[in-house]
Amino acid sequence: MTFQNGTPAPSRRSIMKGMGLAAATLAAPGVLRRAYAEEPIVLLTWETYHDPAWCKEWGEANGVEVKPVVIGSVDELFSQPFSGAVHPDIMYIETGSLPRFKEAGLIVPFDTAKVPNIANITSKLDWKKYTNVGGEIVGVPYNWGTQPLMFNADLIKSPDSWAALWDEKYRGKVNIFDDCTIVFPMIALYVGAKDPFNLTDSDFEKCENALRELRKQVRTIARGFDDAVTIYAAGDAVIGYCQNIAVVTSLQDKGKNFDYSLPKEGTPTWIDCTGVSKKGNRDIVYKFINDNLSTKWQARFIEASTNNGVLNLAEAKAGGVSEKTLKRTNIPDSQASDFWDKLVILQKPEDFERRLQIWNDFKAGTL
């Protein structure tokens, strides 16, 4: 088994390709920029979320510069504001981390009255349940995605349980990715924890045992989207925990017969939400957020990146998202009456540091 050591692993959202790389740094010294009366809007965002060209277009139309700064992990997102190098107005935070960001003073209560385009968020996404922290809404969705069970359909026929990852016939052919926040809930679901985000000592013991056994199954841990695609395409893995269904569609584009399923125990699912800092609590920032939730912006975002965005199927089609692109997302599936019942939305864990220590021991082989 080989693992990445010493370098923070890319998060699930850093799997996407194409846009946003040029936005990884703030304005370079000596580059002439147009003068605006408004203070710039600084984003801490994920790859493909905010195409620099789109931000420039919006900024010129609204008289303010938009500076998207691309981050690669939740830990980086949390630490950047404390570094002093970046002073964000907006951060894109998954639901399970919202309490942590609020408690640290990184985000303030969200003024939903200033974002009428919230009405465009699909009614299937019960987002207020997950963005209410201490009685206050602290963010609104921008994008969501699932982490299903993926498999080589030439060799495996529609597994319906996470237990397939522990099946000895796949020893050395299982793949997972390096993200404790996302992987641990799947392990908790597999061992039958009543609440995968509030584990008992008994649950933790079961998770340790499950990870110890899983290590025998996994030859290589994926460092990101390209790494996962390479591993599966080479035949070094035939089944695994999927970072994002884009891994599956990428393999299909290569002529590989891969598919994914939503296991009966539940499928971990993230919702990335727009959070506003104290510095960002101003009208022009809310206008940007509101325009990001317009059908036009969201449809372009979905079409260009194959993310799910927040539109329902009808709105996505009305906005111009192609059938080909829609098939590469969870949007059509999400219209089924039982779809959301199969998902487990990420929430704040009971003890992240304990989970991280177990995860690191798993990678090191010291469990």
Protein backbone atom coordinates (compact mmCIF):
# COMPACT_ATOMS: atom_id res chain seq x y z
CA MET A 1 0.00 0.00 0.00
CA THR A 2 1.36 3.42 -0.90
CA PHE A 3 0.30 6.72 0.62
CA GLN A 4 1.10 10.37 0.17
CA ASN A 5 3.21 11.60 3.10
CA GLY A 6 4.16 15.07 4.15
CA THR A 7 1.99 16.95 1.68
CA PRO A 8 -1.64 17.94 2.38
CA ALA A 9 -3.85 15.85 0.14
CA PRO A 10 -6.22 17.55 -2.28
CA SER A 11 -9.80 17.73 -1.08
CA ARG A 12 -12.67 16.16 -2.95
CA ARG A 13 -13.40 19.44 -4.69
CA SER A 14 -9.88 19.81 -5.98
CA ILE A 15 -10.71 16.92 -8.32
CA MET A 16 -12.24 19.29 -10.84
CA LYS A 17 -10.20 20.51 -13.76
CA GLY A 18 -10.04 23.45 -16.10
CA MET A 19 -10.92 26.72 -14.45
CA GLY A 20 -9.71 28.74 -11.52
CA LEU A 21 -6.01 27.85 -11.39
CA ALA A 22 -4.97 31.30 -12.47
CA ALA A 23 -6.88 32.71 -9.51
CA ALA A 24 -4.79 30.93 -6.91
CA THR A 25 -2.92 34.09 -5.99
CA LEU A 26 -3.91 37.67 -5.37
CA ALA A 27 -2.85 40.53 -7.60
CA ALA A 28 0.81 40.28 -8.60
CA PRO A 29 2.99 43.30 -7.77
CA GLY A 30 3.42 45.73 -10.62
CA VAL A 31 0.33 44.65 -12.55
CA LEU A 32 -1.81 47.63 -13.44
CA ARG A 33 -5.42 47.24 -12.42
CA ARG A 34 -8.47 49.34 -13.04
CA ALA A 35 -9.29 51.66 -10.15
CA TYR A 36 -12.65 51.10 -8.48
CA ALA A 37 -14.44 53.08 -5.82
CA GLU A 38 -15.52 49.91 -4.04
CA GLU A 39 -13.15 47.77 -2.00
CA PRO A 40 -12.39 44.49 -3.84
CA ILE A 41 -14.43 41.37 -3.10
CA VAL A 42 -12.04 38.60 -2.08
CA LEU A 43 -13.21 34.99 -2.39
CA LEU A 44 -11.76 31.87 -0.80
CA THR A 45 -13.19 29.41 -3.26
CA TRP A 46 -12.68 26.00 -4.88
CA GLU A 47 -11.34 25.07 -8.28
CA THR A 48 -13.98 25.53 -11.06
CA TYR A 49 -16.29 27.50 -8.78
CA HIS A 50 -15.38 31.00 -9.98
CA ASP A 51 -13.88 31.34 -13.43
CA PRO A 52 -11.63 34.44 -13.32
CA ALA A 53 -13.12 35.62 -16.64
CA TRP A 54 -16.63 35.49 -15.18
CA CYS A 55 -15.48 37.35 -12.07
CA LYS A 56 -13.83 40.02 -14.22
CA GLU A 57 -16.98 40.35 -16.33
CA TRP A 58 -19.17 40.76 -13.25
CA GLY A 59 -16.71 43.14 -11.60
CA GLU A 60 -16.57 45.46 -14.61
CA ALA A 61 -20.36 45.53 -14.82
CA ASN A 62 -20.68 46.35 -11.12
CA GLY A 63 -17.70 48.64 -10.52
CA VAL A 64 -15.75 46.40 -8.16
CA GLU A 65 -12.86 43.99 -8.57
CA VAL A 66 -13.51 40.34 -7.64
CA LYS A 67 -10.45 38.38 -6.55
CA PRO A 68 -11.01 34.59 -6.43
CA VAL A 69 -8.35 32.80 -4.37
CA VAL A 70 -8.44 29.05 -4.93
CA ILE A 71 -7.88 26.74 -1.95
CA GLY A 72 -7.40 22.98 -1.93
CA SER A 73 -8.66 21.73 1.43
CA VAL A 74 -10.95 22.60 4.31
CA ASP A 75 -7.93 23.00 6.58
CA GLU A 76 -6.46 25.56 4.18
CA LEU A 77 -9.79 27.36 3.97
CA PHE A 78 -9.86 27.61 7.76
CA SER A 79 -6.25 28.69 8.20
CA GLN A 80 -5.94 31.25 5.39
CA PRO A 81 -7.84 34.07 7.15
CA PHE A 82 -5.57 33.69 10.18
CA SER A 83 -2.41 33.86 8.07
CA GLY A 84 -2.84 37.53 7.31
CA ALA A 85 -2.10 36.94 3.64
CA VAL A 86 -5.75 36.87 2.62
CA HIS A 87 -8.67 38.84 4.03
CA PRO A 88 -11.72 37.15 2.52
CA ASP A 89 -15.17 38.61 2.12
CA ILE A 90 -16.69 35.28 1.09
CA MET A 91 -15.76 31.67 1.89
CA TYR A 92 -17.28 28.48 0.48
CA ILE A 93 -17.73 26.08 3.38
CA GLU A 94 -19.27 22.61 3.56
CA THR A 95 -22.09 22.24 6.07
CA GLY A 96 -20.18 20.14 8.58
CA SER A 97 -17.58 22.89 9.01
CA LEU A 98 -19.97 25.85 9.36
CA PRO A 99 -20.10 25.66 13.20
CA ARG A 100 -16.29 25.64 13.38
CA PHE A 101 -16.04 28.73 11.17
CA LYS A 102 -18.72 30.57 13.11
CA GLU A 103 -17.17 29.74 16.49
CA ALA A 104 -13.82 31.04 15.21
CA GLY A 105 -15.41 34.34 14.18
CA LEU A 106 -14.66 33.78 10.49
CA ILE A 107 -18.28 34.18 9.34
CA VAL A 108 -21.22 36.24 10.52
CA PRO A 109 -24.99 35.58 10.36
CA PHE A 110 -26.14 35.56 6.75
CA ASP A 111 -28.66 38.23 5.67
CA THR A 112 -30.97 36.12 3.51
CA ALA A 113 -33.21 39.14 2.81
CA LYS A 114 -30.45 40.53 0.57
CA VAL A 115 -30.38 37.41 -1.62
CA PRO A 116 -33.78 36.97 -3.30
CA ASN A 117 -32.29 34.42 -5.73
CA ILE A 118 -32.29 31.97 -2.83
CA ALA A 119 -35.65 31.10 -4.38
CA ASN A 120 -33.72 29.38 -7.19
CA ILE A 121 -32.25 26.76 -4.84
CA THR A 122 -33.97 23.45 -5.50
CA SER A 123 -36.65 22.68 -2.93
CA LYS A 124 -35.20 19.16 -2.69
CA LEU A 125 -32.18 20.58 -0.85
CA ASP A 126 -33.24 21.02 2.78
CA TRP A 127 -30.41 23.48 3.33
CA LYS A 128 -31.74 25.54 6.24
CA LYS A 129 -31.59 22.45 8.42
CA TYR A 130 -27.82 22.28 7.92
CA THR A 131 -26.88 25.96 7.80
CA ASN A 132 -28.59 26.98 11.05
CA VAL A 133 -25.94 27.33 13.74
CA GLY A 134 -27.10 28.46 17.17
CA GLY A 135 -30.41 29.68 15.79
CA GLU A 136 -28.84 31.72 12.98
CA ILE A 137 -28.46 30.99 9.27
CA VAL A 138 -24.73 31.34 8.50
CA GLY A 139 -24.62 30.37 4.82
CA VAL A 140 -26.57 29.51 1.68
CA PRO A 141 -25.79 26.70 -0.80
CA TYR A 142 -23.73 27.27 -3.93
CA ASN A 143 -23.06 23.64 -4.92
CA TRP A 144 -23.54 20.08 -3.65
CA GLY A 145 -22.29 16.60 -4.47
CA THR A 146 -22.28 12.94 -3.44
CA GLN A 147 -19.57 10.45 -2.50
CA PRO A 148 -20.97 7.15 -3.82
CA LEU A 149 -19.59 3.64 -4.20
CA MET A 150 -17.94 3.29 -7.62
CA PHE A 151 -17.06 0.08 -9.42
CA ASN A 152 -15.94 -1.55 -12.66
CA ALA A 153 -19.25 -2.70 -14.13
CA ASP A 154 -17.52 -5.33 -16.29
CA LEU A 155 -16.46 -7.15 -13.14
CA ILE A 156 -18.95 -6.14 -10.46
CA LYS A 157 -22.72 -6.00 -10.64
CA SER A 158 -24.34 -3.10 -8.78
CA PRO A 159 -23.11 -3.51 -5.18
CA ASP A 160 -25.63 -2.07 -2.73
CA SER A 161 -23.53 -1.93 0.45
CA TRP A 162 -20.26 -0.38 1.63
CA ALA A 163 -19.41 -3.91 2.78
CA ALA A 164 -18.23 -4.56 -0.79
CA LEU A 165 -15.06 -2.60 0.01
CA TRP A 166 -14.19 -5.22 2.63
CA ASP A 167 -14.91 -8.21 0.36
CA GLU A 168 -11.71 -10.30 0.25
CA LYS A 169 -12.09 -11.00 -3.46
CA TYR A 170 -11.21 -7.33 -4.06
CA ARG A 171 -8.11 -7.37 -1.86
CA GLY A 172 -5.53 -5.01 -3.31
CA LYS A 173 -8.10 -3.63 -5.75
CA VAL A 174 -9.93 -1.15 -3.51
CA ASN A 175 -9.33 2.59 -3.71
CA ILE A 176 -10.21 5.43 -1.33
CA PHE A 177 -9.07 9.04 -1.16
CA ASP A 178 -7.18 10.98 1.48
CA ASP A 179 -9.78 13.08 3.25
CA CYS A 180 -10.66 12.25 6.86
CA THR A 181 -13.64 14.62 6.90
CA ILE A 182 -15.31 12.75 4.04
CA VAL A 183 -14.11 9.17 4.49
CA PHE A 184 -14.82 8.78 8.21
CA PRO A 185 -18.62 9.17 7.87
CA MET A 186 -18.62 6.34 5.31
CA ILE A 187 -16.75 4.10 7.77
CA ALA A 188 -19.24 5.03 10.49
CA LEU A 189 -22.17 4.17 8.22
CA TYR A 190 -20.58 0.83 7.35
CA VAL A 191 -20.18 -0.20 11.02
CA GLY A 192 -23.80 0.70 11.71
CA ALA A 193 -23.34 3.77 13.89
CA LYS A 194 -26.71 5.23 14.82
CA ASP A 195 -25.41 8.74 14.11
CA PRO A 196 -22.28 8.92 11.92
CA PHE A 197 -21.49 12.39 13.29
CA ASN A 198 -21.93 11.60 16.99
CA LEU A 199 -20.00 8.40 17.58
CA THR A 200 -19.90 6.59 20.91
CA ASP A 201 -16.71 5.02 22.25
CA SER A 202 -18.06 1.69 21.00
CA ASP A 203 -18.61 3.21 17.54
CA PHE A 204 -15.05 4.54 17.49
CA GLU A 205 -13.71 1.10 18.35
CA LYS A 206 -15.72 -0.44 15.52
CA CYS A 207 -14.44 2.22 13.11
CA GLU A 208 -10.84 1.50 14.13
CA ASN A 209 -11.37 -2.21 13.53
CA ALA A 210 -13.02 -1.53 10.16
CA LEU A 211 -10.16 0.72 9.05
CA ARG A 212 -7.62 -1.85 10.18
CA GLU A 213 -9.29 -4.44 7.96
CA LEU A 214 -9.77 -1.98 5.10
CA ARG A 215 -6.05 -1.27 4.98
CA LYS A 216 -5.52 -4.83 3.78
CA GLN A 217 -7.84 -4.13 0.85
CA VAL A 218 -6.32 -0.85 -0.31
CA ARG A 219 -3.10 -0.81 -2.32
CA THR A 220 -2.99 2.91 -3.04
CA ILE A 221 -4.80 5.91 -1.61
CA ALA A 222 -5.85 8.48 -4.23
CA ARG A 223 -4.34 11.94 -3.98
CA GLY A 224 -6.97 13.59 -6.15
CA PHE A 225 -9.14 13.34 -9.25
CA ASP A 226 -6.41 12.62 -11.80
CA ASP A 227 -4.72 10.16 -9.47
CA ALA A 228 -7.96 8.23 -8.93
CA VAL A 229 -8.73 8.12 -12.66
CA THR A 230 -5.21 6.86 -13.38
CA ILE A 231 -5.47 4.14 -10.73
CA TYR A 232 -8.80 2.82 -12.02
CA ALA A 233 -7.91 3.17 -15.70
CA ALA A 234 -4.74 1.12 -15.15
CA GLY A 235 -6.75 -1.65 -13.52
CA ASP A 236 -5.07 -1.12 -10.15
CA ALA A 237 -8.49 -0.71 -8.54
CA VAL A 238 -11.89 -2.07 -9.50
CA ILE A 239 -14.03 -0.69 -6.66
CA GLY A 240 -13.79 2.22 -4.25
CA TYR A 241 -15.15 5.21 -2.38
CA CYS A 242 -15.74 7.90 -5.01
CA GLN A 243 -14.60 11.47 -4.50
CA ASN A 244 -17.15 12.76 -6.97
CA ILE A 245 -19.10 11.13 -9.79
CA ALA A 246 -16.90 13.10 -12.22
CA VAL A 247 -14.29 10.37 -11.60
CA VAL A 248 -16.77 7.85 -13.01
CA THR A 249 -17.75 9.95 -16.02
CA SER A 250 -14.10 10.65 -16.80
CA LEU A 251 -13.42 6.91 -16.90
CA GLN A 252 -16.48 6.43 -19.11
CA ASP A 253 -15.04 9.04 -21.49
CA LYS A 254 -11.95 6.85 -21.69
CA GLY A 255 -14.07 3.88 -22.73
CA LYS A 256 -13.97 2.24 -19.29
CA ASN A 257 -17.21 0.66 -18.08
CA PHE A 258 -17.46 2.21 -14.62
CA ASP A 259 -20.61 3.05 -12.70
CA TYR A 260 -21.64 4.08 -9.20
CA SER A 261 -24.33 3.20 -6.67
CA LEU A 262 -25.80 4.69 -3.52
CA PRO A 263 -25.36 2.06 -0.77
CA LYS A 264 -28.25 1.07 1.47
CA GLU A 265 -26.41 2.32 4.58
CA GLY A 266 -26.44 5.88 3.19
CA THR A 267 -24.13 8.00 1.00
CA PRO A 268 -22.09 10.89 2.48
CA THR A 269 -23.05 14.13 0.72
CA TRP A 270 -21.60 17.62 0.93
CA ILE A 271 -23.23 21.02 0.44
CA ASP A 272 -20.81 23.89 -0.10
CA CYS A 273 -22.28 27.08 1.30
CA THR A 274 -21.48 30.74 0.82
CA GLY A 275 -20.36 32.25 4.12
CA VAL A 276 -19.76 35.97 4.67
CA SER A 277 -17.01 37.42 6.87
CA LYS A 278 -17.40 40.57 8.99
CA LYS A 279 -15.40 42.43 6.32
CA GLY A 280 -17.70 41.07 3.62
CA ASN A 281 -20.92 42.13 5.31
CA ARG A 282 -21.73 44.83 2.74
CA ASP A 283 -24.30 45.32 0.00
CA ILE A 284 -22.01 44.83 -3.01
CA VAL A 285 -20.89 41.47 -1.63
CA TYR A 286 -24.49 40.35 -1.23
CA LYS A 287 -25.20 41.46 -4.79
CA PHE A 288 -22.41 39.20 -6.01
CA ILE A 289 -23.80 36.29 -3.99
CA ASN A 290 -27.29 36.94 -5.30
CA ASP A 291 -26.11 37.04 -8.91
CA ASN A 292 -24.18 33.78 -8.33
CA LEU A 293 -27.53 32.15 -7.56
CA SER A 294 -29.22 33.42 -10.70
CA THR A 295 -30.35 30.80 -13.19
CA LYS A 296 -27.96 32.25 -15.80
CA TRP A 297 -24.87 32.04 -13.56
CA GLN A 298 -25.75 28.63 -12.13
CA ALA A 299 -26.52 27.10 -15.54
CA ARG A 300 -23.20 28.35 -16.91
CA PHE A 301 -21.43 26.99 -13.83
CA ILE A 302 -23.05 23.55 -14.20
CA GLU A 303 -22.40 23.38 -17.94
CA ALA A 304 -18.76 24.39 -17.66
CA SER A 305 -17.80 22.26 -14.64
CA THR A 306 -20.39 19.41 -14.44
CA ASN A 307 -21.00 20.38 -10.83
CA ASN A 308 -24.56 20.03 -9.48
CA GLY A 309 -24.98 23.70 -8.59
CA VAL A 310 -28.28 24.39 -6.84
CA LEU A 311 -30.89 24.39 -9.63
CA ASN A 312 -33.55 21.74 -10.03
CA LEU A 313 -33.76 19.81 -13.29
CA ALA A 314 -36.34 22.07 -14.94
CA GLU A 315 -34.44 25.26 -14.08
CA ALA A 316 -31.13 23.78 -15.24
CA LYS A 317 -32.68 22.90 -18.60
CA ALA A 318 -34.33 26.32 -18.85
CA GLY A 319 -30.94 27.91 -18.19
CA GLY A 320 -29.42 26.03 -21.11
CA VAL A 321 -27.63 23.10 -19.47
CA SER A 322 -27.31 20.37 -22.10
CA GLU A 323 -28.68 16.85 -21.72
CA LYS A 324 -25.16 15.53 -22.13
CA THR A 325 -23.93 17.58 -19.19
CA LEU A 326 -26.95 16.78 -17.03
CA LYS A 327 -26.21 13.07 -17.38
CA ARG A 328 -22.80 13.73 -15.84
CA THR A 329 -24.36 15.21 -12.69
CA ASN A 330 -26.65 14.05 -9.89
CA ILE A 331 -29.34 16.52 -10.98
CA PRO A 332 -31.60 14.07 -12.91
CA ASP A 333 -31.25 11.44 -10.15
CA SER A 334 -32.13 13.99 -7.49
CA GLN A 335 -35.67 14.32 -8.83
CA ALA A 336 -36.57 10.79 -7.65
CA SER A 337 -38.76 10.79 -4.55
CA ASP A 338 -36.42 8.50 -2.61
CA PHE A 339 -33.10 9.99 -3.78
CA TRP A 340 -32.49 12.31 -0.83
CA ASP A 341 -33.44 9.59 1.64
CA LYS A 342 -30.30 7.72 0.53
CA LEU A 343 -28.00 10.64 1.31
CA VAL A 344 -26.31 11.62 4.58
CA ILE A 345 -25.47 15.33 4.61
CA LEU A 346 -22.15 16.15 6.27
CA GLN A 347 -22.52 17.65 9.73
CA LYS A 348 -20.21 18.72 12.54
CA PRO A 349 -18.51 15.65 14.04
CA GLU A 350 -18.34 15.04 17.76
CA ASP A 351 -14.53 15.07 17.90
CA PHE A 352 -12.69 15.84 14.68
CA GLU A 353 -9.24 15.57 16.27
CA ARG A 354 -9.99 12.04 17.46
CA ARG A 355 -11.14 11.08 13.98
CA LEU A 356 -8.05 12.63 12.41
CA GLN A 357 -5.71 10.75 14.75
CA ILE A 358 -7.39 7.43 13.87
CA TRP A 359 -7.21 8.32 10.17
CA ASN A 360 -3.52 9.18 10.38
CA ASP A 361 -2.86 5.92 12.25
CA PHE A 362 -4.72 4.09 9.50
CA LYS A 363 -2.49 5.63 6.84
CA ALA A 364 0.62 4.95 8.85
CA GLY A 365 -0.39 1.34 9.51
CA THR A 366 -0.20 1.78 13.29
CA LEU A 367 -3.84 1.10 14.19
